[in-house]
Amino acid sequence: MRSAAAAGNPVWRGLIYCLLHFVVLFGASTGVFADEFRPAMLDINEREDGWVDVTWKVPVRQNKTVDVTPVLP
């Protein structure tokens, strides 16, 4: 007597097909990497006497700053 899987039962074939796809998709996948995002902050405030206060903060990671400098007119 043959088993249901050996007989080519469509339910078993579908299950094996889904399992095979699962193994291929998740077993062969590698890690996903993205660019690092470290935003800087530029804060410009105008005072009542017409002067402007500019605050520039750069991100710091592992005690290293990003070499970015704002150019003001």
C-alpha atoms as a PDB file:
ATOM      1  CA  MET A   1       0.000   0.000   0.000  1.00  0.00           C
ATOM      2  CA  ARG A   2       1.352   3.459  -0.941  1.00  0.00           C
ATOM      3  CA  SER A   3       1.247   6.487   1.350  1.00  0.00           C
ATOM      4  CA  ALA A   4      -0.720   9.637   0.491  1.00  0.00           C
ATOM      5  CA  ALA A   5       2.466  11.597  -0.264  1.00  0.00           C
ATOM      6  CA  ALA A   6       3.800   8.889  -2.552  1.00  0.00           C
ATOM      7  CA  ALA A   7       0.474   8.678  -4.380  1.00  0.00           C
ATOM      8  CA  GLY A   8       0.800  12.322  -5.481  1.00  0.00           C
ATOM      9  CA  ASN A   9      -2.007  13.685  -3.322  1.00  0.00           C
ATOM     10  CA  PRO A  10      -2.504  17.370  -4.319  1.00  0.00           C
ATOM     11  CA  VAL A  11      -2.691  18.437  -0.660  1.00  0.00           C
ATOM     12  CA  TRP A  12       0.712  16.905   0.103  1.00  0.00           C
ATOM     13  CA  ARG A  13       2.205  18.314  -3.082  1.00  0.00           C
ATOM     14  CA  GLY A  14       0.962  21.804  -2.141  1.00  0.00           C
ATOM     15  CA  LEU A  15       2.328  21.465   1.389  1.00  0.00           C
ATOM     16  CA  ILE A  16       5.724  20.313   0.147  1.00  0.00           C
ATOM     17  CA  TYR A  17       5.739  23.122  -2.450  1.00  0.00           C
ATOM     18  CA  CYS A  18       5.040  25.760   0.251  1.00  0.00           C
ATOM     19  CA  LEU A  19       7.639  24.270   2.581  1.00  0.00           C
ATOM     20  CA  LEU A  20      10.240  24.280  -0.187  1.00  0.00           C
ATOM     21  CA  HIS A  21       9.537  27.955  -0.939  1.00  0.00           C
ATOM     22  CA  PHE A  22       9.781  28.809   2.762  1.00  0.00           C
ATOM     23  CA  VAL A  23      13.176  27.121   3.033  1.00  0.00           C
ATOM     24  CA  VAL A  24      14.470  28.846  -0.105  1.00  0.00           C
ATOM     25  CA  LEU A  25      13.216  32.305   0.922  1.00  0.00           C
ATOM     26  CA  PHE A  26      14.348  32.272   4.532  1.00  0.00           C
ATOM     27  CA  GLY A  27      17.192  29.784   4.427  1.00  0.00           C
ATOM     28  CA  ALA A  28      19.099  31.399   1.583  1.00  0.00           C
ATOM     29  CA  SER A  29      18.512  35.010   2.589  1.00  0.00           C
ATOM     30  CA  THR A  30      21.285  37.110   4.052  1.00  0.00           C
ATOM     31  CA  GLY A  31      21.213  40.111   6.344  1.00  0.00           C
ATOM     32  CA  VAL A  32      20.010  43.431   5.019  1.00  0.00           C
ATOM     33  CA  PHE A  33      22.225  46.468   5.453  1.00  0.00           C
ATOM     34  CA  ALA A  34      21.382  50.152   5.095  1.00  0.00           C
ATOM     35  CA  ASP A  35      23.317  53.374   5.177  1.00  0.00           C
ATOM     36  CA  GLU A  36      23.782  54.904   8.572  1.00  0.00           C
ATOM     37  CA  PHE A  37      21.590  57.938   9.244  1.00  0.00           C
ATOM     38  CA  ARG A  38      22.974  60.587  11.579  1.00  0.00           C
ATOM     39  CA  PRO A  39      21.202  63.925  11.122  1.00  0.00           C
ATOM     40  CA  ALA A  40      22.753  67.252  12.059  1.00  0.00           C
ATOM     41  CA  MET A  41      20.805  70.185  13.499  1.00  0.00           C
ATOM     42  CA  LEU A  42      20.868  73.782  12.300  1.00  0.00           C
ATOM     43  CA  ASP A  43      18.872  76.213  14.465  1.00  0.00           C
ATOM     44  CA  ILE A  44      18.544  79.843  13.318  1.00  0.00           C
ATOM     45  CA  ASN A  45      16.740  82.364  15.549  1.00  0.00           C
ATOM     46  CA  GLU A  46      16.358  86.072  14.812  1.00  0.00           C
ATOM     47  CA  ARG A  47      16.419  88.358  17.831  1.00  0.00           C
ATOM     48  CA  GLU A  48      14.432  91.583  18.189  1.00  0.00           C
ATOM     49  CA  ASP A  49      17.505  93.758  17.630  1.00  0.00           C
ATOM     50  CA  GLY A  50      18.074  92.225  14.166  1.00  0.00           C
ATOM     51  CA  TRP A  51      20.887  89.878  15.123  1.00  0.00           C
ATOM     52  CA  VAL A  52      20.675  86.185  14.316  1.00  0.00           C
ATOM     53  CA  ASP A  53      21.694  83.347  16.632  1.00  0.00           C
ATOM     54  CA  VAL A  54      22.931  80.270  14.782  1.00  0.00           C
ATOM     55  CA  THR A  55      23.343  76.918  16.521  1.00  0.00           C
ATOM     56  CA  TRP A  56      24.971  74.073  14.593  1.00  0.00           C
ATOM     57  CA  LYS A  57      25.130  70.609  16.123  1.00  0.00           C
ATOM     58  CA  VAL A  58      26.777  67.677  14.393  1.00  0.00           C
ATOM     59  CA  PRO A  59      26.170  64.057  15.314  1.00  0.00           C
ATOM     60  CA  VAL A  60      28.774  62.239  17.383  1.00  0.00           C
ATOM     61  CA  ARG A  61      29.347  58.512  17.377  1.00  0.00           C
ATOM     62  CA  GLN A  62      32.164  56.752  19.186  1.00  0.00           C
ATOM     63  CA  ASN A  63      33.684  60.163  20.039  1.00  0.00           C
ATOM     64  CA  LYS A  64      34.006  61.066  16.342  1.00  0.00           C
ATOM     65  CA  THR A  65      32.142  63.917  14.674  1.00  0.00           C
ATOM     66  CA  VAL A  66      31.014  64.113  11.077  1.00  0.00           C
ATOM     67  CA  ASP A  67      33.039  66.551   8.980  1.00  0.00           C
ATOM     68  CA  VAL A  68      30.143  68.789   7.881  1.00  0.00           C
ATOM     69  CA  THR A  69      30.227  72.591   7.970  1.00  0.00           C
ATOM     70  CA  PRO A  70      27.312  74.879   7.058  1.00  0.00           C
ATOM     71  CA  VAL A  71      27.987  77.704   4.608  1.00  0.00           C
ATOM     72  CA  LEU A  72      26.081  80.856   5.486  1.00  0.00           C
ATOM     73  CA  PRO A  73      25.640  83.831   3.132  1.00  0.00           C
END
